[in-house]
C-alpha atoms as a PDB file:
ATOM      1  CA  MET A   1      -3.294 111.796  40.325  1.00  0.00           C
ATOM      2  CA  ILE A   2      -5.726 111.503  42.945  1.00  0.00           C
ATOM      3  CA  LEU A   3      -9.370 112.116  41.979  1.00  0.00           C
ATOM      4  CA  PHE A   4     -10.508 115.306  44.292  1.00  0.00           C
ATOM      5  CA  ARG A   5     -13.078 115.830  42.190  1.00  0.00           C
ATOM      6  CA  ARG A   6     -14.527 112.436  41.473  1.00  0.00           C
ATOM      7  CA  PHE A   7     -14.483 112.210  45.350  1.00  0.00           C
ATOM      8  CA  THR A   8     -16.521 115.749  45.750  1.00  0.00           C
ATOM      9  CA  GLU A   9     -18.994 114.085  43.404  1.00  0.00           C
ATOM     10  CA  ARG A  10     -19.471 110.779  44.889  1.00  0.00           C
ATOM     11  CA  PHE A  11     -19.312 112.383  48.751  1.00  0.00           C
ATOM     12  CA  ASP A  12     -21.958 115.092  47.718  1.00  0.00           C
ATOM     13  CA  GLN A  13     -24.030 111.745  46.157  1.00  0.00           C
ATOM     14  CA  LEU A  14     -23.989 109.623  49.306  1.00  0.00           C
ATOM     15  CA  SER A  15     -24.648 112.634  51.766  1.00  0.00           C
ATOM     16  CA  SER A  16     -28.071 113.196  50.176  1.00  0.00           C
ATOM     17  CA  HIS A  17     -29.197 109.153  50.382  1.00  0.00           C
ATOM     18  CA  LEU A  18     -27.773 108.449  53.716  1.00  0.00           C
ATOM     19  CA  PRO A  19     -30.244 109.020  56.780  1.00  0.00           C
ATOM     20  CA  ALA A  20     -29.100 111.934  59.161  1.00  0.00           C
ATOM     21  CA  LEU A  21     -27.533 110.571  62.101  1.00  0.00           C
ATOM     22  CA  GLU A  22     -29.515 112.938  64.821  1.00  0.00           C
ATOM     23  CA  ASN A  23     -26.918 112.135  67.953  1.00  0.00           C
ATOM     24  CA  VAL A  24     -23.725 113.527  67.026  1.00  0.00           C
ATOM     25  CA  GLU A  25     -21.480 115.331  69.976  1.00  0.00           C
ATOM     26  CA  GLU A  26     -18.589 117.902  69.467  1.00  0.00           C
ATOM     27  CA  HIS A  27     -15.768 117.466  71.865  1.00  0.00           C
ATOM     28  CA  GLN A  28     -12.538 119.228  72.506  1.00  0.00           C
ATOM     29  CA  SER A  29      -9.392 117.694  74.983  1.00  0.00           C
ATOM     30  CA  GLY A  30      -6.178 118.730  75.519  1.00  0.00           C
ATOM     31  CA  GLY A  31      -6.755 120.912  72.470  1.00  0.00           C
ATOM     32  CA  VAL A  32      -7.877 118.007  70.346  1.00  0.00           C
ATOM     33  CA  TYR A  33     -11.043 118.046  68.534  1.00  0.00           C
ATOM     34  CA  PHE A  34     -13.285 114.976  68.300  1.00  0.00           C
ATOM     35  CA  ARG A  35     -16.649 114.660  66.950  1.00  0.00           C
ATOM     36  CA  LEU A  36     -18.733 111.502  68.430  1.00  0.00           C
ATOM     37  CA  TYR A  37     -21.523 109.637  65.947  1.00  0.00           C
ATOM     38  CA  LEU A  38     -23.299 107.871  68.467  1.00  0.00           C
ATOM     39  CA  PRO A  39     -25.971 104.993  67.714  1.00  0.00           C
ATOM     40  CA  ALA A  40     -29.741 104.971  68.918  1.00  0.00           C
ATOM     41  CA  GLY A  41     -28.888 102.433  71.815  1.00  0.00           C
ATOM     42  CA  ALA A  42     -25.896 101.153  73.945  1.00  0.00           C
ATOM     43  CA  VAL A  43     -22.593 101.081  72.880  1.00  0.00           C
ATOM     44  CA  SER A  44     -19.973  97.888  72.614  1.00  0.00           C
ATOM     45  CA  ASP A  45     -17.667  99.391  70.318  1.00  0.00           C
ATOM     46  CA  VAL A  46     -16.049 102.834  69.513  1.00  0.00           C
ATOM     47  CA  ILE A  47     -13.624 103.161  66.491  1.00  0.00           C
ATOM     48  CA  LEU A  48     -11.289 105.995  66.166  1.00  0.00           C
ATOM     49  CA  ILE A  49     -10.957 107.387  62.994  1.00  0.00           C
ATOM     50  CA  TYR A  50      -7.619 109.011  61.946  1.00  0.00           C
ATOM     51  CA  HIS A  51      -7.661 111.198  58.632  1.00  0.00           C
ATOM     52  CA  GLY A  52      -5.299 111.256  55.678  1.00  0.00           C
ATOM     53  CA  GLY A  53      -2.515 113.625  54.877  1.00  0.00           C
ATOM     54  CA  GLY A  54      -2.910 117.769  54.862  1.00  0.00           C
ATOM     55  CA  VAL A  55      -7.127 116.829  55.597  1.00  0.00           C
ATOM     56  CA  ASN A  56      -9.122 116.755  58.487  1.00  0.00           C
ATOM     57  CA  ALA A  57     -12.155 114.971  59.775  1.00  0.00           C
ATOM     58  CA  ASP A  58     -14.421 116.895  57.426  1.00  0.00           C
ATOM     59  CA  ALA A  59     -12.952 115.894  54.519  1.00  0.00           C
ATOM     60  CA  GLY A  60     -15.602 113.098  53.794  1.00  0.00           C
ATOM     61  CA  TYR A  61     -15.154 111.066  56.716  1.00  0.00           C
ATOM     62  CA  ALA A  62     -18.517 111.865  58.012  1.00  0.00           C
ATOM     63  CA  ILE A  63     -20.024 109.231  55.484  1.00  0.00           C
ATOM     64  CA  PRO A  64     -18.569 106.432  56.590  1.00  0.00           C
ATOM     65  CA  ALA A  65     -19.026 107.654  60.437  1.00  0.00           C
ATOM     66  CA  ARG A  66     -22.588 107.376  59.377  1.00  0.00           C
ATOM     67  CA  GLN A  67     -22.705 104.159  57.784  1.00  0.00           C
ATOM     68  CA  ILE A  68     -20.586 102.654  60.010  1.00  0.00           C
ATOM     69  CA  SER A  69     -23.022 103.633  63.216  1.00  0.00           C
ATOM     70  CA  ALA A  70     -25.773 101.969  60.943  1.00  0.00           C
ATOM     71  CA  LEU A  71     -24.822  98.670  62.334  1.00  0.00           C
ATOM     72  CA  GLY A  72     -25.782  99.665  65.749  1.00  0.00           C
ATOM     73  CA  ALA A  73     -24.314  99.603  69.245  1.00  0.00           C
ATOM     74  CA  VAL A  74     -21.074 101.189  67.246  1.00  0.00           C
ATOM     75  CA  CYS A  75     -20.014 104.640  68.155  1.00  0.00           C
ATOM     76  CA  VAL A  76     -17.192 106.179  65.611  1.00  0.00           C
ATOM     77  CA  CYS A  77     -15.145 109.041  66.907  1.00  0.00           C
ATOM     78  CA  LEU A  78     -13.791 111.130  63.952  1.00  0.00           C
ATOM     79  CA  VAL A  79     -10.057 112.970  65.222  1.00  0.00           C
ATOM     80  CA  ASP A  80      -8.308 115.969  63.835  1.00  0.00           C
ATOM     81  CA  ILE A  81      -5.034 115.319  64.234  1.00  0.00           C
ATOM     82  CA  ARG A  82      -2.994 118.107  66.133  1.00  0.00           C
ATOM     83  CA  GLY A  83      -1.613 120.990  63.657  1.00  0.00           C
ATOM     84  CA  HIS A  84      -5.553 120.052  61.423  1.00  0.00           C
ATOM     85  CA  GLY A  85      -9.054 121.148  61.185  1.00  0.00           C
ATOM     86  CA  ARG A  86      -9.934 122.013  64.712  1.00  0.00           C
ATOM     87  CA  SER A  87      -7.614 120.784  66.465  1.00  0.00           C
ATOM     88  CA  SER A  88      -4.825 123.009  68.032  1.00  0.00           C
ATOM     89  CA  GLY A  89      -1.565 124.023  66.797  1.00  0.00           C
ATOM     90  CA  PRO A  90       0.073 125.893  63.807  1.00  0.00           C
ATOM     91  CA  LYS A  91      -1.117 123.944  60.667  1.00  0.00           C
ATOM     92  CA  GLY A  92       1.109 121.019  59.494  1.00  0.00           C
ATOM     93  CA  ASP A  93       3.257 121.439  62.522  1.00  0.00           C
ATOM     94  CA  VAL A  94       3.558 120.011  66.121  1.00  0.00           C
ATOM     95  CA  THR A  95       5.992 120.790  68.555  1.00  0.00           C
ATOM     96  CA  SER A  96       7.207 117.078  68.435  1.00  0.00           C
ATOM     97  CA  PRO A  97       6.345 113.800  66.628  1.00  0.00           C
ATOM     98  CA  GLN A  98       5.599 112.376  70.501  1.00  0.00           C
ATOM     99  CA  GLN A  99       2.727 114.974  70.777  1.00  0.00           C
ATOM    100  CA  ILE A 100       0.392 113.690  68.038  1.00  0.00           C
ATOM    101  CA  TRP A 101       0.770 109.672  69.529  1.00  0.00           C
ATOM    102  CA  ARG A 102       0.293 111.299  73.147  1.00  0.00           C
ATOM    103  CA  ASP A 103      -3.462 112.982  71.744  1.00  0.00           C
ATOM    104  CA  VAL A 104      -4.566 109.026  70.779  1.00  0.00           C
ATOM    105  CA  ASP A 105      -4.355 108.583  74.705  1.00  0.00           C
ATOM    106  CA  THR A 106      -6.063 111.990  74.735  1.00  0.00           C
ATOM    107  CA  VAL A 107      -8.946 110.927  73.246  1.00  0.00           C
ATOM    108  CA  LEU A 108      -8.922 107.818  74.417  1.00  0.00           C
ATOM    109  CA  ASP A 109      -8.995 109.086  78.254  1.00  0.00           C
ATOM    110  CA  ALA A 110     -12.462 110.816  77.119  1.00  0.00           C
ATOM    111  CA  ILE A 111     -13.798 107.681  75.486  1.00  0.00           C
ATOM    112  CA  THR A 112     -12.705 105.387  78.403  1.00  0.00           C
ATOM    113  CA  ASP A 113     -14.585 108.293  80.766  1.00  0.00           C
ATOM    114  CA  ARG A 114     -17.746 108.258  78.833  1.00  0.00           C
ATOM    115  CA  PHE A 115     -18.238 104.501  77.674  1.00  0.00           C
ATOM    116  CA  SER A 116     -17.695 101.899  80.457  1.00  0.00           C
ATOM    117  CA  GLY A 117     -16.583  98.484  79.266  1.00  0.00           C
ATOM    118  CA  VAL A 118     -16.621  99.194  75.519  1.00  0.00           C
ATOM    119  CA  ARG A 119     -14.509  97.744  72.762  1.00  0.00           C
ATOM    120  CA  ILE A 120     -11.640 100.193  71.140  1.00  0.00           C
ATOM    121  CA  HIS A 121     -11.068 100.236  67.479  1.00  0.00           C
ATOM    122  CA  LEU A 122      -8.705 102.508  65.600  1.00  0.00           C
ATOM    123  CA  LEU A 123      -8.873 103.212  61.776  1.00  0.00           C
ATOM    124  CA  GLY A 124      -6.096 104.995  59.915  1.00  0.00           C
ATOM    125  CA  HIS A 125      -6.928 106.361  56.298  1.00  0.00           C
ATOM    126  CA  SER A 126      -3.802 107.203  54.081  1.00  0.00           C
ATOM    127  CA  SER A 127      -0.818 108.579  56.371  1.00  0.00           C
ATOM    128  CA  GLY A 128      -3.239 108.017  59.083  1.00  0.00           C
ATOM    129  CA  SER A 129      -2.415 104.567  59.024  1.00  0.00           C
ATOM    130  CA  GLY A 130       1.160 105.607  59.648  1.00  0.00           C
ATOM    131  CA  MET A 131       0.604 107.607  62.118  1.00  0.00           C
ATOM    132  CA  LEU A 132      -1.395 104.641  64.254  1.00  0.00           C
ATOM    133  CA  ILE A 133       1.675 101.986  63.009  1.00  0.00           C
ATOM    134  CA  ASN A 134       4.050 104.582  65.005  1.00  0.00           C
ATOM    135  CA  TYR A 135       1.826 104.614  67.937  1.00  0.00           C
ATOM    136  CA  PHE A 136       2.023 101.180  68.885  1.00  0.00           C
ATOM    137  CA  THR A 137       5.654 100.925  68.082  1.00  0.00           C
ATOM    138  CA  CYS A 138       7.330 104.177  68.655  1.00  0.00           C
ATOM    139  CA  HIS A 139       5.438 104.953  71.957  1.00  0.00           C
ATOM    140  CA  ALA A 140       3.777 103.219  75.032  1.00  0.00           C
ATOM    141  CA  PRO A 141       0.175 103.313  74.714  1.00  0.00           C
ATOM    142  CA  ARG A 142      -1.715 103.925  77.626  1.00  0.00           C
ATOM    143  CA  TYR A 143      -5.102 102.223  77.092  1.00  0.00           C
ATOM    144  CA  LYS A 144      -5.406  98.559  75.032  1.00  0.00           C
ATOM    145  CA  ALA A 145      -7.016  98.946  71.938  1.00  0.00           C
ATOM    146  CA  ASP A 146      -8.903  95.430  71.123  1.00  0.00           C
ATOM    147  CA  SER A 147      -8.001  96.274  67.124  1.00  0.00           C
ATOM    148  CA  LEU A 148      -6.408  98.247  64.235  1.00  0.00           C
ATOM    149  CA  ILE A 149      -7.321  99.064  61.136  1.00  0.00           C
ATOM    150  CA  LEU A 150      -5.233 100.416  58.228  1.00  0.00           C
ATOM    151  CA  LEU A 151      -7.013 101.606  55.159  1.00  0.00           C
ATOM    152  CA  ALA A 152      -5.162 102.557  52.022  1.00  0.00           C
ATOM    153  CA  PRO A 153      -2.541 102.857  54.077  1.00  0.00           C
ATOM    154  CA  GLU A 154       0.357 104.825  53.181  1.00  0.00           C
ATOM    155  CA  PHE A 155       3.704 104.042  54.391  1.00  0.00           C
ATOM    156  CA  GLY A 156       5.767 106.749  53.195  1.00  0.00           C
ATOM    157  CA  PRO A 157       9.400 106.639  51.742  1.00  0.00           C
ATOM    158  CA  PHE A 158      11.059 103.867  53.866  1.00  0.00           C
ATOM    159  CA  ALA A 159       8.716 101.201  52.269  1.00  0.00           C
ATOM    160  CA  PRO A 160       9.972  99.302  49.166  1.00  0.00           C
ATOM    161  CA  ALA A 161       9.850 101.285  46.292  1.00  0.00           C
ATOM    162  CA  PRO A 162       7.852  98.482  44.064  1.00  0.00           C
ATOM    163  CA  ILE A 163       4.837  99.144  46.229  1.00  0.00           C
ATOM    164  CA  ILE A 164       4.377 102.712  44.502  1.00  0.00           C
ATOM    165  CA  ARG A 165       1.791 102.552  41.079  1.00  0.00           C
ATOM    166  CA  THR A 166       3.922 102.962  38.200  1.00  0.00           C
ATOM    167  CA  GLY A 167       3.303 106.383  36.636  1.00  0.00           C
ATOM    168  CA  ALA A 168       1.769 107.660  39.647  1.00  0.00           C
ATOM    169  CA  THR A 169       1.968 111.234  40.519  1.00  0.00           C
ATOM    170  CA  PRO A 170       3.049 111.885  43.635  1.00  0.00           C
ATOM    171  CA  PHE A 171       1.171 113.556  46.567  1.00  0.00           C
ATOM    172  CA  SER A 172       3.649 115.286  48.135  1.00  0.00           C
ATOM    173  CA  SER A 173       7.429 116.263  47.645  1.00  0.00           C
ATOM    174  CA  VAL A 174      10.447 116.773  50.050  1.00  0.00           C
ATOM    175  CA  ASN A 175      13.340 118.395  50.982  1.00  0.00           C
ATOM    176  CA  ARG A 176      15.543 116.342  52.594  1.00  0.00           C
ATOM    177  CA  LEU A 177      18.035 118.610  53.943  1.00  0.00           C
ATOM    178  CA  PRO A 178      15.720 119.222  57.399  1.00  0.00           C
ATOM    179  CA  PHE A 179      15.453 115.964  57.951  1.00  0.00           C
ATOM    180  CA  ILE A 180      19.012 115.373  58.092  1.00  0.00           C
ATOM    181  CA  VAL A 181      19.935 118.214  60.503  1.00  0.00           C
ATOM    182  CA  ASN A 182      17.009 117.265  62.478  1.00  0.00           C
ATOM    183  CA  ALA A 183      18.223 113.106  62.461  1.00  0.00           C
ATOM    184  CA  LEU A 184      21.808 114.534  63.456  1.00  0.00           C
ATOM    185  CA  THR A 185      21.232 116.238  65.980  1.00  0.00           C
ATOM    186  CA  GLN A 186      18.918 113.943  67.525  1.00  0.00           C
ATOM    187  CA  GLY A 187      15.544 115.960  66.988  1.00  0.00           C
ATOM    188  CA  LYS A 188      17.328 119.015  68.602  1.00  0.00           C
ATOM    189  CA  LEU A 189      17.281 121.223  65.297  1.00  0.00           C
ATOM    190  CA  TRP A 190      14.642 121.936  62.708  1.00  0.00           C
ATOM    191  CA  GLY A 191      11.947 119.676  63.887  1.00  0.00           C
ATOM    192  CA  ARG A 192       9.707 122.841  63.338  1.00  0.00           C
ATOM    193  CA  ARG A 193      11.033 123.298  59.766  1.00  0.00           C
ATOM    194  CA  TYR A 194       8.605 123.093  57.045  1.00  0.00           C
ATOM    195  CA  ALA A 195      10.066 120.217  54.711  1.00  0.00           C
ATOM    196  CA  VAL A 196       6.955 118.599  52.878  1.00  0.00           C
ATOM    197  CA  LYS A 197       4.829 120.041  50.373  1.00  0.00           C
ATOM    198  CA  LEU A 198       1.266 118.778  49.663  1.00  0.00           C
ATOM    199  CA  HIS A 199       0.070 118.733  45.934  1.00  0.00           C
ATOM    200  CA  PHE A 200      -3.383 119.437  46.870  1.00  0.00           C
ATOM    201  CA  PRO A 201      -5.375 121.094  43.364  1.00  0.00           C
ATOM    202  CA  GLU A 202      -5.836 124.760  43.245  1.00  0.00           C
ATOM    203  CA  GLU A 203      -9.313 124.362  43.415  1.00  0.00           C
ATOM    204  CA  VAL A 204      -9.133 122.204  46.498  1.00  0.00           C
ATOM    205  CA  LEU A 205      -7.304 124.705  48.285  1.00  0.00           C
ATOM    206  CA  THR A 206      -9.479 127.286  47.491  1.00  0.00           C
ATOM    207  CA  ALA A 207     -12.769 125.295  48.411  1.00  0.00           C
ATOM    208  CA  ARG A 208     -11.028 124.005  51.153  1.00  0.00           C
ATOM    209  CA  PRO A 209      -8.578 126.600  52.694  1.00  0.00           C
ATOM    210  CA  ASP A 210      -8.521 124.896  56.412  1.00  0.00           C
ATOM    211  CA  PHE A 211      -6.296 122.276  54.706  1.00  0.00           C
ATOM    212  CA  ALA A 212      -2.464 121.858  55.361  1.00  0.00           C
ATOM    213  CA  GLU A 213      -0.558 122.402  52.330  1.00  0.00           C
ATOM    214  CA  ALA A 214       3.150 121.696  53.842  1.00  0.00           C
ATOM    215  CA  TYR A 215       4.402 119.471  56.985  1.00  0.00           C
ATOM    216  CA  SER A 216       7.374 120.613  59.300  1.00  0.00           C
ATOM    217  CA  VAL A 217       9.819 117.432  59.847  1.00  0.00           C
ATOM    218  CA  ASN A 218       8.160 116.895  63.155  1.00  0.00           C
ATOM    219  CA  MET A 219       4.652 116.352  61.700  1.00  0.00           C
ATOM    220  CA  ALA A 220       6.064 114.032  58.914  1.00  0.00           C
ATOM    221  CA  ASN A 221       8.079 112.284  61.802  1.00  0.00           C
ATOM    222  CA  ALA A 222       4.991 111.723  63.453  1.00  0.00           C
ATOM    223  CA  LEU A 223       3.213 110.392  60.680  1.00  0.00           C
ATOM    224  CA  THR A 224       5.691 108.235  58.792  1.00  0.00           C
ATOM    225  CA  PRO A 225       7.029 104.400  60.077  1.00  0.00           C
ATOM    226  CA  ARG A 226      10.943 104.802  59.557  1.00  0.00           C
ATOM    227  CA  GLN A 227      10.891 101.120  59.679  1.00  0.00           C
ATOM    228  CA  PRO A 228       7.571  99.514  57.969  1.00  0.00           C
ATOM    229  CA  ALA A 229       8.386  96.598  57.813  1.00  0.00           C
ATOM    230  CA  ARG A 230       9.418  95.615  60.972  1.00  0.00           C
ATOM    231  CA  GLN A 231       6.857  97.989  62.717  1.00  0.00           C
ATOM    232  CA  LEU A 232       4.465  95.936  61.021  1.00  0.00           C
ATOM    233  CA  ALA A 233       5.802  92.747  62.153  1.00  0.00           C
ATOM    234  CA  ALA A 234       5.960  94.224  65.655  1.00  0.00           C
ATOM    235  CA  LEU A 235       2.031  95.269  65.990  1.00  0.00           C
ATOM    236  CA  PRO A 236       0.591  93.003  68.841  1.00  0.00           C
ATOM    237  CA  LEU A 237      -3.286  93.640  68.013  1.00  0.00           C
ATOM    238  CA  PRO A 238      -5.381  91.922  65.313  1.00  0.00           C
ATOM    239  CA  VAL A 239      -5.107  94.011  62.187  1.00  0.00           C
ATOM    240  CA  THR A 240      -6.928  94.098  58.988  1.00  0.00           C
ATOM    241  CA  VAL A 241      -5.188  96.315  55.914  1.00  0.00           C
ATOM    242  CA  LEU A 242      -7.666  96.823  53.969  1.00  0.00           C
ATOM    243  CA  LEU A 243      -6.226  98.118  50.268  1.00  0.00           C
ATOM    244  CA  PRO A 244      -8.752  99.649  47.283  1.00  0.00           C
ATOM    245  CA  GLU A 245      -8.270  97.743  44.338  1.00  0.00           C
ATOM    246  CA  CYS A 246      -7.401 100.935  42.057  1.00  0.00           C
ATOM    247  CA  ASP A 247      -5.563 102.927  44.042  1.00  0.00           C
ATOM    248  CA  GLU A 248      -3.729 105.534  42.641  1.00  0.00           C
ATOM    249  CA  LEU A 249      -0.457 106.055  44.893  1.00  0.00           C
ATOM    250  CA  ALA A 250       0.278 102.066  45.361  1.00  0.00           C
ATOM    251  CA  ASP A 251       0.139  99.243  43.557  1.00  0.00           C
ATOM    252  CA  SER A 252      -2.228  96.955  46.061  1.00  0.00           C
ATOM    253  CA  ARG A 253      -1.059  93.701  44.907  1.00  0.00           C
ATOM    254  CA  GLN A 254       2.798  94.747  45.530  1.00  0.00           C
ATOM    255  CA  VAL A 255       1.596  96.159  48.711  1.00  0.00           C
ATOM    256  CA  ALA A 256      -0.500  92.866  50.224  1.00  0.00           C
ATOM    257  CA  ALA A 257       2.728  90.772  48.924  1.00  0.00           C
ATOM    258  CA  PHE A 258       5.237  93.708  51.117  1.00  0.00           C
ATOM    259  CA  VAL A 259       2.516  93.550  54.127  1.00  0.00           C
ATOM    260  CA  GLU A 260       2.313  89.397  54.308  1.00  0.00           C
ATOM    261  CA  GLY A 261       6.162  89.082  54.139  1.00  0.00           C
ATOM    262  CA  CYS A 262       6.507  90.961  57.220  1.00  0.00           C
ATOM    263  CA  ALA A 263       5.093  87.861  58.791  1.00  0.00           C
ATOM    264  CA  ASN A 264       2.775  88.877  61.419  1.00  0.00           C
ATOM    265  CA  GLN A 265       0.002  86.544  62.002  1.00  0.00           C
ATOM    266  CA  ASN A 266      -2.384  89.311  63.522  1.00  0.00           C
ATOM    267  CA  ILE A 267      -2.360  91.009  60.468  1.00  0.00           C
ATOM    268  CA  THR A 268      -4.841  90.005  57.601  1.00  0.00           C
ATOM    269  CA  VAL A 269      -4.790  91.558  54.147  1.00  0.00           C
ATOM    270  CA  ARG A 270      -8.269  92.709  52.263  1.00  0.00           C
ATOM    271  CA  GLN A 271      -8.808  94.248  48.741  1.00  0.00           C
ATOM    272  CA  ILE A 272     -11.652  96.577  48.292  1.00  0.00           C
ATOM    273  CA  LYS A 273     -12.851  96.052  44.477  1.00  0.00           C
ATOM    274  CA  ASN A 274     -13.283  99.023  41.948  1.00  0.00           C
ATOM    275  CA  SER A 275     -12.203 101.192  44.830  1.00  0.00           C
ATOM    276  CA  ASN A 276      -9.702 103.893  44.727  1.00  0.00           C
ATOM    277  CA  HIS A 277      -7.445 105.879  47.257  1.00  0.00           C
ATOM    278  CA  LEU A 278     -10.071 108.373  48.633  1.00  0.00           C
ATOM    279  CA  GLU A 279     -12.982 106.747  47.661  1.00  0.00           C
ATOM    280  CA  SER A 280     -12.286 104.013  49.899  1.00  0.00           C
ATOM    281  CA  VAL A 281     -13.373 105.476  52.641  1.00  0.00           C
ATOM    282  CA  PHE A 282     -17.003 105.268  51.582  1.00  0.00           C
ATOM    283  CA  ASP A 283     -16.407 101.713  50.312  1.00  0.00           C
ATOM    284  CA  ALA A 284     -14.940 100.416  53.686  1.00  0.00           C
ATOM    285  CA  SER A 285     -18.043  99.672  55.640  1.00  0.00           C
ATOM    286  CA  ASP A 286     -18.890  95.960  54.581  1.00  0.00           C
ATOM    287  CA  ALA A 287     -14.908  95.288  55.154  1.00  0.00           C
ATOM    288  CA  ILE A 288     -15.151  96.839  58.716  1.00  0.00           C
ATOM    289  CA  ARG A 289     -17.953  95.179  59.792  1.00  0.00           C
ATOM    290  CA  HIS A 290     -16.466  92.051  58.842  1.00  0.00           C
ATOM    291  CA  HIS A 291     -13.494  93.258  61.043  1.00  0.00           C
ATOM    292  CA  LEU A 292     -15.387  93.575  63.949  1.00  0.00           C
ATOM    293  CA  CYS A 293     -17.542  90.420  63.377  1.00  0.00           C
ATOM    294  CA  SER A 294     -14.110  88.795  63.439  1.00  0.00           C
ATOM    295  CA  VAL A 295     -12.629  90.651  65.920  1.00  0.00           C
ATOM    296  CA  ASN A 296     -15.252  90.749  68.729  1.00  0.00           C
ATOM    297  CA  SER A 297     -15.760  86.771  68.166  1.00  0.00           C
ATOM    298  CA  ARG A 298     -12.681  85.861  69.478  1.00  0.00           C
ATOM    299  CA  ALA A 299     -12.592  88.376  72.244  1.00  0.00           C
ATOM    300  CA  ASP A 300     -14.404  88.299  75.747  1.00  0.00           C
ATOM    301  CA  PRO A 301     -15.717  91.533  76.543  1.00  0.00           C
ATOM    302  CA  GLN A 302     -16.474  90.872  80.484  1.00  0.00           C
ATOM    303  CA  GLU A 303     -12.480  90.339  80.230  1.00  0.00           C
ATOM    304  CA  ARG A 304     -12.263  94.594  79.793  1.00  0.00           C
END
């Protein structure tokens, strides 16, 4: 089971010790809410962070934003996926999967207008990783990104069964009929039917009524890779996959074998020691720093 209580305790502890950032901006663009954590000086890199299933940017992601912004010259952008948090749309629903991917372009429109010549990096946590895999392989991005980070990635029901940790309590349950009808009608019917139940503990939902308790077919399809092995193999940019060693949902060794078996030379797999599914967002800053140094050492910023 996902350790929500431990995550909350750790969040409170880190919040009290990390220095507060004074330069934080909130924005809305095309119905999408995002928040910028700006460094003290000039910006050379922007990292867009997409949250996991059912939650939003306020679910602990300010911690990695503060950690990463402290690196200097790095702006962190926390995004609420449409249908989540302060972005528009019914909770857990969207008019089409493609809308979620177009929203990534919308945020990048705003980022590129604000910052000239910066390097762009996208990071997805849990099902946010699945959404970004779809963004790069089921959609034609309007902007060239410099790299991708997949943190504790959730590859969904089409991934090989062995990557699921033995005895793990599923975080979601699925009503398959709406997905079947939607697929048979090529997305014309039942796309907005709620068909995925997210199993947050009652105490979490009481404390965070803004979380989405269910997903429509369209939302689930936006976040779930349909052919994860082929899609991983097709990713066209430098990718680091960060796997928490103690992930409650997936066996990190099996996930590493699955990703490496896709034989994409753009992908590097790293393990985050002694970390679990949720707390990996607190424990990934060193690996993210290493990723940025590696990617940026191979890229000439004047080429942008």
